Amino acid sequence: MGKFETFSTTADVGIRISGRDLADLFKSAAKGLNRLLFGAGIPPGPATAGSTIYNYEYQGDSAENILVNLLSEILFLVQARGKITADIRITEAGENSINADLLLIESAIEPEMDIKYVTYHNLKIIEKKGMKYAEIIFDI
């Protein structure tokens, strides 16, 4: 009979994020994902020429679920639509929902890293001294 064994892999990359509240934490996560994808090659902050607003709303069962789905949507927009989220304006961010406007610009550059998906691996949003913290792992 055959057998199997487990092994570790280095096919992941992660970011550590922090924020004053969930909205700030989610914004930090979007910036971190962009940095992984494009380095410093995207314009910082709001852009106007050729930009579009994409409304993103999601209802989930936890803040971690909201975070993973927001980042997955941003990743989808890059990979499938060739759009970069240059800025994010969050109008509502809670433990179970988010409502945000993503400012999208056409991608003039290719991503530096091929991220396959956002994982839930060891994802836990914690609060310390009035700040929110999390570590997010991406499969590459």
N, C-alpha and C. Protein backbone atom coordinates (compact mmCIF):
# COMPACT_ATOMS: atom_id res chain seq x y z
N MET A 1 0.83 -1.16 0.00
CA MET A 1 0.00 0.00 0.00
C MET A 1 0.88 1.24 0.00
N GLY A 2 0.45 2.26 -0.74
CA GLY A 2 1.20 3.51 -0.81
C GLY A 2 1.18 4.26 0.50
N LYS A 3 1.99 5.29 0.60
CA LYS A 3 2.02 6.12 1.80
C LYS A 3 2.13 7.58 1.39
N PHE A 4 2.00 8.41 2.34
CA PHE A 4 2.15 9.83 2.05
C PHE A 4 2.81 10.50 3.24
N GLU A 5 3.36 11.65 2.98
CA GLU A 5 3.91 12.48 4.04
C GLU A 5 3.66 13.94 3.72
N THR A 6 3.61 14.72 4.71
CA THR A 6 3.39 16.15 4.49
C THR A 6 4.74 16.85 4.38
N PHE A 7 4.73 18.00 3.75
CA PHE A 7 5.95 18.79 3.63
C PHE A 7 5.59 20.27 3.58
N SER A 8 6.51 21.09 3.94
CA SER A 8 6.31 22.53 3.89
C SER A 8 6.68 23.06 2.52
N THR A 9 6.07 24.19 2.17
CA THR A 9 6.36 24.81 0.89
C THR A 9 6.64 26.29 1.10
N THR A 10 7.40 26.85 0.22
CA THR A 10 7.70 28.28 0.32
C THR A 10 6.98 29.04 -0.78
N ALA A 11 5.88 28.51 -1.27
CA ALA A 11 5.13 29.12 -2.37
C ALA A 11 4.10 30.14 -1.87
N ASP A 12 4.44 30.84 -0.80
CA ASP A 12 3.53 31.83 -0.26
C ASP A 12 4.30 33.11 0.06
N VAL A 13 3.56 34.19 0.15
CA VAL A 13 4.12 35.46 0.60
C VAL A 13 3.06 36.12 1.48
N GLY A 14 3.49 36.87 2.46
CA GLY A 14 2.52 37.47 3.37
C GLY A 14 2.81 38.93 3.63
N ILE A 15 1.81 39.61 4.16
CA ILE A 15 1.98 40.99 4.60
C ILE A 15 1.41 41.12 6.01
N ARG A 16 2.02 41.99 6.79
CA ARG A 16 1.50 42.36 8.09
C ARG A 16 0.88 43.74 7.94
N ILE A 17 -0.33 43.89 8.46
CA ILE A 17 -1.03 45.16 8.32
C ILE A 17 -1.53 45.64 9.67
N SER A 18 -1.76 46.95 9.73
CA SER A 18 -2.35 47.52 10.94
C SER A 18 -3.22 48.70 10.55
N GLY A 19 -4.12 49.06 11.46
CA GLY A 19 -4.99 50.19 11.22
C GLY A 19 -5.69 50.61 12.50
N ARG A 20 -6.15 51.84 12.52
CA ARG A 20 -6.86 52.36 13.69
C ARG A 20 -8.20 51.66 13.90
N ASP A 21 -8.83 51.26 12.80
CA ASP A 21 -10.12 50.57 12.84
C ASP A 21 -10.16 49.63 11.64
N LEU A 22 -11.29 48.96 11.43
CA LEU A 22 -11.37 48.01 10.32
C LEU A 22 -11.20 48.69 8.96
N ALA A 23 -11.80 49.86 8.79
CA ALA A 23 -11.67 50.57 7.52
C ALA A 23 -10.20 50.86 7.23
N ASP A 24 -9.48 51.34 8.22
CA ASP A 24 -8.06 51.65 8.05
C ASP A 24 -7.25 50.37 7.80
N LEU A 25 -7.61 49.30 8.48
CA LEU A 25 -6.93 48.01 8.28
C LEU A 25 -7.14 47.51 6.85
N PHE A 26 -8.38 47.60 6.35
CA PHE A 26 -8.67 47.15 4.99
C PHE A 26 -7.92 47.99 3.96
N LYS A 27 -7.83 49.30 4.19
CA LYS A 27 -7.06 50.17 3.28
C LYS A 27 -5.59 49.77 3.27
N SER A 28 -5.05 49.51 4.45
CA SER A 28 -3.65 49.08 4.55
C SER A 28 -3.42 47.78 3.79
N ALA A 29 -4.38 46.87 3.88
CA ALA A 29 -4.26 45.60 3.18
C ALA A 29 -4.25 45.81 1.67
N ALA A 30 -5.12 46.68 1.17
CA ALA A 30 -5.16 46.97 -0.27
C ALA A 30 -3.84 47.57 -0.73
N LYS A 31 -3.29 48.49 0.06
CA LYS A 31 -1.99 49.08 -0.28
C LYS A 31 -0.89 48.03 -0.27
N GLY A 32 -0.93 47.13 0.73
CA GLY A 32 0.07 46.07 0.80
C GLY A 32 0.01 45.13 -0.39
N LEU A 33 -1.22 44.76 -0.80
CA LEU A 33 -1.37 43.90 -1.97
C LEU A 33 -0.83 44.60 -3.21
N ASN A 34 -1.15 45.88 -3.38
CA ASN A 34 -0.62 46.63 -4.52
C ASN A 34 0.90 46.67 -4.52
N ARG A 35 1.49 46.82 -3.33
CA ARG A 35 2.95 46.86 -3.24
C ARG A 35 3.55 45.53 -3.67
N LEU A 36 2.92 44.42 -3.26
CA LEU A 36 3.40 43.11 -3.70
C LEU A 36 3.29 42.96 -5.21
N LEU A 37 2.16 43.41 -5.76
CA LEU A 37 1.92 43.24 -7.19
C LEU A 37 2.78 44.16 -8.06
N PHE A 38 2.91 45.41 -7.64
CA PHE A 38 3.51 46.41 -8.52
C PHE A 38 4.71 47.15 -7.94
N GLY A 39 5.16 46.78 -6.77
CA GLY A 39 6.27 47.51 -6.16
C GLY A 39 5.84 48.96 -5.96
N ALA A 40 6.71 49.87 -6.27
CA ALA A 40 6.38 51.30 -6.15
C ALA A 40 5.93 51.85 -7.50
N GLY A 41 5.55 50.98 -8.43
CA GLY A 41 5.24 51.40 -9.79
C GLY A 41 3.85 51.90 -10.06
N ILE A 42 3.03 52.10 -9.05
CA ILE A 42 1.69 52.64 -9.28
C ILE A 42 1.59 54.01 -8.64
N PRO A 43 0.76 54.86 -9.21
CA PRO A 43 0.64 56.19 -8.62
C PRO A 43 0.00 56.14 -7.24
N PRO A 44 0.57 56.86 -6.27
CA PRO A 44 -0.01 56.85 -4.93
C PRO A 44 -1.26 57.72 -4.86
N GLY A 45 -2.20 57.31 -4.04
CA GLY A 45 -3.37 58.14 -3.78
C GLY A 45 -4.31 58.28 -4.95
N PRO A 46 -5.24 59.22 -4.85
CA PRO A 46 -6.27 59.38 -5.87
C PRO A 46 -5.70 59.78 -7.24
N ALA A 47 -6.25 59.17 -8.24
CA ALA A 47 -5.92 59.52 -9.63
C ALA A 47 -7.24 59.91 -10.29
N THR A 48 -7.19 60.79 -11.26
CA THR A 48 -8.44 61.21 -11.87
C THR A 48 -8.51 60.89 -13.35
N ALA A 49 -7.45 61.14 -14.08
CA ALA A 49 -7.48 60.94 -15.53
C ALA A 49 -7.66 59.46 -15.86
N GLY A 50 -8.73 59.15 -16.58
CA GLY A 50 -8.97 57.77 -17.00
C GLY A 50 -9.38 56.83 -15.90
N SER A 51 -9.74 57.35 -14.75
CA SER A 51 -10.12 56.47 -13.64
C SER A 51 -11.63 56.22 -13.64
N THR A 52 -12.01 55.13 -13.02
CA THR A 52 -13.42 54.81 -12.84
C THR A 52 -13.65 54.42 -11.39
N ILE A 53 -14.87 54.61 -10.94
CA ILE A 53 -15.25 54.22 -9.58
C ILE A 53 -15.99 52.89 -9.66
N TYR A 54 -15.57 51.96 -8.85
CA TYR A 54 -16.17 50.63 -8.78
C TYR A 54 -16.70 50.45 -7.36
N ASN A 55 -18.02 50.34 -7.22
CA ASN A 55 -18.59 50.16 -5.89
C ASN A 55 -18.48 48.69 -5.49
N TYR A 56 -17.93 48.47 -4.33
CA TYR A 56 -17.77 47.12 -3.80
C TYR A 56 -18.55 47.00 -2.50
N GLU A 57 -19.49 46.10 -2.47
CA GLU A 57 -20.26 45.79 -1.26
C GLU A 57 -20.18 44.30 -1.01
N TYR A 58 -20.04 43.94 0.25
CA TYR A 58 -19.96 42.53 0.58
C TYR A 58 -20.49 42.31 2.00
N GLN A 59 -21.24 41.25 2.18
CA GLN A 59 -21.72 40.79 3.48
C GLN A 59 -21.04 39.46 3.77
N GLY A 60 -20.41 39.35 4.91
CA GLY A 60 -19.73 38.11 5.26
C GLY A 60 -20.03 37.70 6.68
N ASP A 61 -19.32 36.69 7.15
CA ASP A 61 -19.58 36.19 8.50
C ASP A 61 -18.53 36.63 9.52
N SER A 62 -17.50 37.36 9.05
CA SER A 62 -16.47 37.84 9.98
C SER A 62 -15.64 38.92 9.28
N ALA A 63 -14.91 39.67 10.07
CA ALA A 63 -14.02 40.68 9.50
C ALA A 63 -12.93 40.02 8.64
N GLU A 64 -12.50 38.84 9.05
CA GLU A 64 -11.50 38.11 8.25
C GLU A 64 -12.06 37.74 6.89
N ASN A 65 -13.31 37.31 6.86
CA ASN A 65 -13.99 36.97 5.61
C ASN A 65 -14.11 38.20 4.71
N ILE A 66 -14.46 39.33 5.31
CA ILE A 66 -14.55 40.59 4.55
C ILE A 66 -13.20 40.92 3.94
N LEU A 67 -12.14 40.82 4.74
CA LEU A 67 -10.79 41.15 4.28
C LEU A 67 -10.36 40.26 3.12
N VAL A 68 -10.54 38.96 3.25
CA VAL A 68 -10.14 38.03 2.18
C VAL A 68 -10.91 38.32 0.90
N ASN A 69 -12.20 38.57 1.02
CA ASN A 69 -13.00 38.82 -0.18
C ASN A 69 -12.68 40.16 -0.83
N LEU A 70 -12.40 41.18 -0.04
CA LEU A 70 -11.99 42.47 -0.61
C LEU A 70 -10.69 42.31 -1.39
N LEU A 71 -9.71 41.67 -0.79
CA LEU A 71 -8.42 41.48 -1.48
C LEU A 71 -8.56 40.57 -2.70
N SER A 72 -9.42 39.58 -2.60
CA SER A 72 -9.66 38.70 -3.75
C SER A 72 -10.29 39.48 -4.91
N GLU A 73 -11.19 40.40 -4.59
CA GLU A 73 -11.81 41.24 -5.62
C GLU A 73 -10.78 42.15 -6.28
N ILE A 74 -9.91 42.75 -5.48
CA ILE A 74 -8.86 43.61 -6.02
C ILE A 74 -7.93 42.80 -6.91
N LEU A 75 -7.59 41.60 -6.49
CA LEU A 75 -6.75 40.72 -7.29
C LEU A 75 -7.44 40.34 -8.60
N PHE A 76 -8.73 40.03 -8.54
CA PHE A 76 -9.51 39.72 -9.75
C PHE A 76 -9.51 40.90 -10.71
N LEU A 77 -9.70 42.09 -10.21
CA LEU A 77 -9.72 43.28 -11.08
C LEU A 77 -8.40 43.46 -11.81
N VAL A 78 -7.30 43.16 -11.14
CA VAL A 78 -5.98 43.24 -11.79
C VAL A 78 -5.84 42.15 -12.84
N GLN A 79 -6.13 40.91 -12.45
CA GLN A 79 -5.86 39.78 -13.33
C GLN A 79 -6.83 39.66 -14.49
N ALA A 80 -8.11 39.90 -14.25
CA ALA A 80 -9.12 39.67 -15.29
C ALA A 80 -9.49 40.93 -16.06
N ARG A 81 -9.36 42.08 -15.43
CA ARG A 81 -9.81 43.31 -16.06
C ARG A 81 -8.69 44.30 -16.37
N GLY A 82 -7.46 44.02 -15.91
CA GLY A 82 -6.35 44.92 -16.16
C GLY A 82 -6.50 46.26 -15.45
N LYS A 83 -7.14 46.26 -14.28
CA LYS A 83 -7.38 47.47 -13.50
C LYS A 83 -6.60 47.44 -12.19
N ILE A 84 -6.06 48.58 -11.82
CA ILE A 84 -5.36 48.72 -10.55
C ILE A 84 -6.23 49.55 -9.62
N THR A 85 -6.35 49.13 -8.39
CA THR A 85 -7.06 49.92 -7.39
C THR A 85 -6.09 50.97 -6.86
N ALA A 86 -6.21 52.19 -7.40
CA ALA A 86 -5.31 53.28 -7.02
C ALA A 86 -5.67 53.87 -5.66
N ASP A 87 -6.93 53.78 -5.30
CA ASP A 87 -7.37 54.32 -4.01
C ASP A 87 -8.64 53.59 -3.60
N ILE A 88 -8.91 53.59 -2.33
CA ILE A 88 -10.11 52.95 -1.80
C ILE A 88 -10.74 53.90 -0.78
N ARG A 89 -12.02 54.14 -0.96
CA ARG A 89 -12.78 54.99 -0.04
C ARG A 89 -13.85 54.13 0.61
N ILE A 90 -13.66 53.84 1.86
CA ILE A 90 -14.57 52.96 2.58
C ILE A 90 -15.61 53.80 3.30
N THR A 91 -16.87 53.57 2.96
CA THR A 91 -17.95 54.31 3.62
C THR A 91 -18.54 53.53 4.79
N GLU A 92 -18.36 52.21 4.78
CA GLU A 92 -18.83 51.38 5.89
C GLU A 92 -17.92 50.16 6.00
N ALA A 93 -17.45 49.88 7.19
CA ALA A 93 -16.63 48.69 7.42
C ALA A 93 -16.96 48.16 8.80
N GLY A 94 -17.50 46.96 8.84
CA GLY A 94 -17.84 46.34 10.11
C GLY A 94 -17.38 44.91 10.15
N GLU A 95 -17.73 44.25 11.21
CA GLU A 95 -17.37 42.83 11.37
C GLU A 95 -17.99 41.95 10.30
N ASN A 96 -19.13 42.37 9.73
CA ASN A 96 -19.85 41.52 8.78
C ASN A 96 -20.14 42.17 7.45
N SER A 97 -19.68 43.40 7.22
CA SER A 97 -19.99 44.04 5.94
C SER A 97 -18.99 45.13 5.60
N ILE A 98 -18.97 45.43 4.32
CA ILE A 98 -18.15 46.53 3.82
C ILE A 98 -18.89 47.17 2.66
N ASN A 99 -18.74 48.46 2.56
CA ASN A 99 -19.20 49.22 1.41
C ASN A 99 -18.07 50.18 1.07
N ALA A 100 -17.55 50.08 -0.13
CA ALA A 100 -16.40 50.88 -0.51
C ALA A 100 -16.45 51.24 -1.98
N ASP A 101 -15.84 52.36 -2.30
CA ASP A 101 -15.62 52.75 -3.69
C ASP A 101 -14.16 52.55 -4.00
N LEU A 102 -13.89 51.74 -5.01
CA LEU A 102 -12.52 51.51 -5.46
C LEU A 102 -12.26 52.41 -6.65
N LEU A 103 -11.21 53.19 -6.57
CA LEU A 103 -10.82 54.05 -7.68
C LEU A 103 -9.89 53.24 -8.57
N LEU A 104 -10.38 52.88 -9.75
CA LEU A 104 -9.63 52.00 -10.66
C LEU A 104 -8.98 52.80 -11.77
N ILE A 105 -7.75 52.40 -12.10
CA ILE A 105 -7.05 52.96 -13.25
C ILE A 105 -6.59 51.81 -14.13
N GLU A 106 -6.44 52.08 -15.41
CA GLU A 106 -5.92 51.07 -16.33
C GLU A 106 -4.49 50.72 -15.94
N SER A 107 -4.19 49.45 -15.99
CA SER A 107 -2.83 49.01 -15.67
C SER A 107 -1.94 49.18 -16.88
N ALA A 108 -0.93 50.01 -16.73
CA ALA A 108 0.04 50.21 -17.81
C ALA A 108 1.26 49.31 -17.62
N ILE A 109 1.31 48.61 -16.49
CA ILE A 109 2.45 47.74 -16.20
C ILE A 109 1.94 46.36 -15.79
N GLU A 110 2.77 45.38 -15.99
CA GLU A 110 2.45 44.02 -15.59
C GLU A 110 2.80 43.82 -14.12
N PRO A 111 2.03 43.02 -13.41
CA PRO A 111 2.38 42.73 -12.02
C PRO A 111 3.77 42.09 -11.93
N GLU A 112 4.50 42.45 -10.89
CA GLU A 112 5.82 41.90 -10.65
C GLU A 112 5.75 40.49 -10.06
N MET A 113 4.61 40.19 -9.46
CA MET A 113 4.43 38.91 -8.78
C MET A 113 3.11 38.29 -9.24
N ASP A 114 3.13 36.99 -9.45
CA ASP A 114 1.92 36.28 -9.84
C ASP A 114 1.27 35.69 -8.59
N ILE A 115 0.29 36.40 -8.06
CA ILE A 115 -0.43 35.93 -6.88
C ILE A 115 -1.65 35.16 -7.35
N LYS A 116 -1.77 33.93 -6.90
CA LYS A 116 -2.89 33.09 -7.32
C LYS A 116 -4.16 33.39 -6.53
N TYR A 117 -4.03 33.46 -5.21
CA TYR A 117 -5.21 33.77 -4.41
C TYR A 117 -4.83 34.20 -3.00
N VAL A 118 -5.80 34.76 -2.32
CA VAL A 118 -5.68 35.20 -0.94
C VAL A 118 -6.12 34.04 -0.06
N THR A 119 -5.36 33.72 0.97
CA THR A 119 -5.69 32.57 1.80
C THR A 119 -6.24 32.99 3.17
N TYR A 120 -6.85 32.06 3.83
CA TYR A 120 -7.29 32.23 5.21
C TYR A 120 -6.26 31.66 6.19
N HIS A 121 -5.14 31.21 5.68
CA HIS A 121 -4.13 30.53 6.49
C HIS A 121 -3.70 31.40 7.67
N ASN A 122 -4.00 30.94 8.87
CA ASN A 122 -3.66 31.63 10.13
C ASN A 122 -4.16 33.07 10.20
N LEU A 123 -5.17 33.40 9.43
CA LEU A 123 -5.68 34.78 9.42
C LEU A 123 -6.54 35.03 10.65
N LYS A 124 -6.17 36.04 11.40
CA LYS A 124 -6.91 36.45 12.58
C LYS A 124 -6.66 37.94 12.76
N ILE A 125 -7.74 38.71 12.79
CA ILE A 125 -7.62 40.14 13.08
C ILE A 125 -7.67 40.29 14.59
N ILE A 126 -6.65 40.92 15.13
CA ILE A 126 -6.59 41.12 16.58
C ILE A 126 -6.54 42.61 16.89
N GLU A 127 -6.89 42.94 18.12
CA GLU A 127 -6.82 44.32 18.56
C GLU A 127 -5.87 44.41 19.75
N LYS A 128 -4.96 45.39 19.66
CA LYS A 128 -4.01 45.65 20.74
C LYS A 128 -3.87 47.15 20.89
N LYS A 129 -4.08 47.61 22.09
CA LYS A 129 -3.90 49.03 22.41
C LYS A 129 -4.63 49.95 21.44
N GLY A 130 -5.86 49.58 21.10
CA GLY A 130 -6.68 50.41 20.25
C GLY A 130 -6.38 50.32 18.76
N MET A 131 -5.49 49.43 18.36
CA MET A 131 -5.14 49.24 16.94
C MET A 131 -5.55 47.84 16.51
N LYS A 132 -5.86 47.69 15.22
CA LYS A 132 -6.18 46.39 14.62
C LYS A 132 -4.94 45.89 13.88
N TYR A 133 -4.69 44.60 13.97
CA TYR A 133 -3.54 43.97 13.32
C TYR A 133 -3.96 42.67 12.65
N ALA A 134 -3.25 42.33 11.56
CA ALA A 134 -3.47 41.03 10.90
C ALA A 134 -2.26 40.69 10.05
N GLU A 135 -2.14 39.42 9.75
CA GLU A 135 -1.16 38.92 8.79
C GLU A 135 -1.95 38.16 7.74
N ILE A 136 -1.67 38.46 6.47
CA ILE A 136 -2.39 37.83 5.37
C ILE A 136 -1.38 37.09 4.50
N ILE A 137 -1.71 35.85 4.16
CA ILE A 137 -0.85 35.02 3.32
C ILE A 137 -1.48 34.92 1.92
N PHE A 138 -0.65 35.11 0.91
CA PHE A 138 -1.06 34.97 -0.48
C PHE A 138 -0.35 33.79 -1.10
N ASP A 139 -1.08 33.00 -1.86
CA ASP A 139 -0.49 31.88 -2.58
C ASP A 139 0.10 32.40 -3.88
N ILE A 140 1.37 32.09 -4.12
CA ILE A 140 2.03 32.54 -5.36
C ILE A 140 2.44 31.35 -6.21
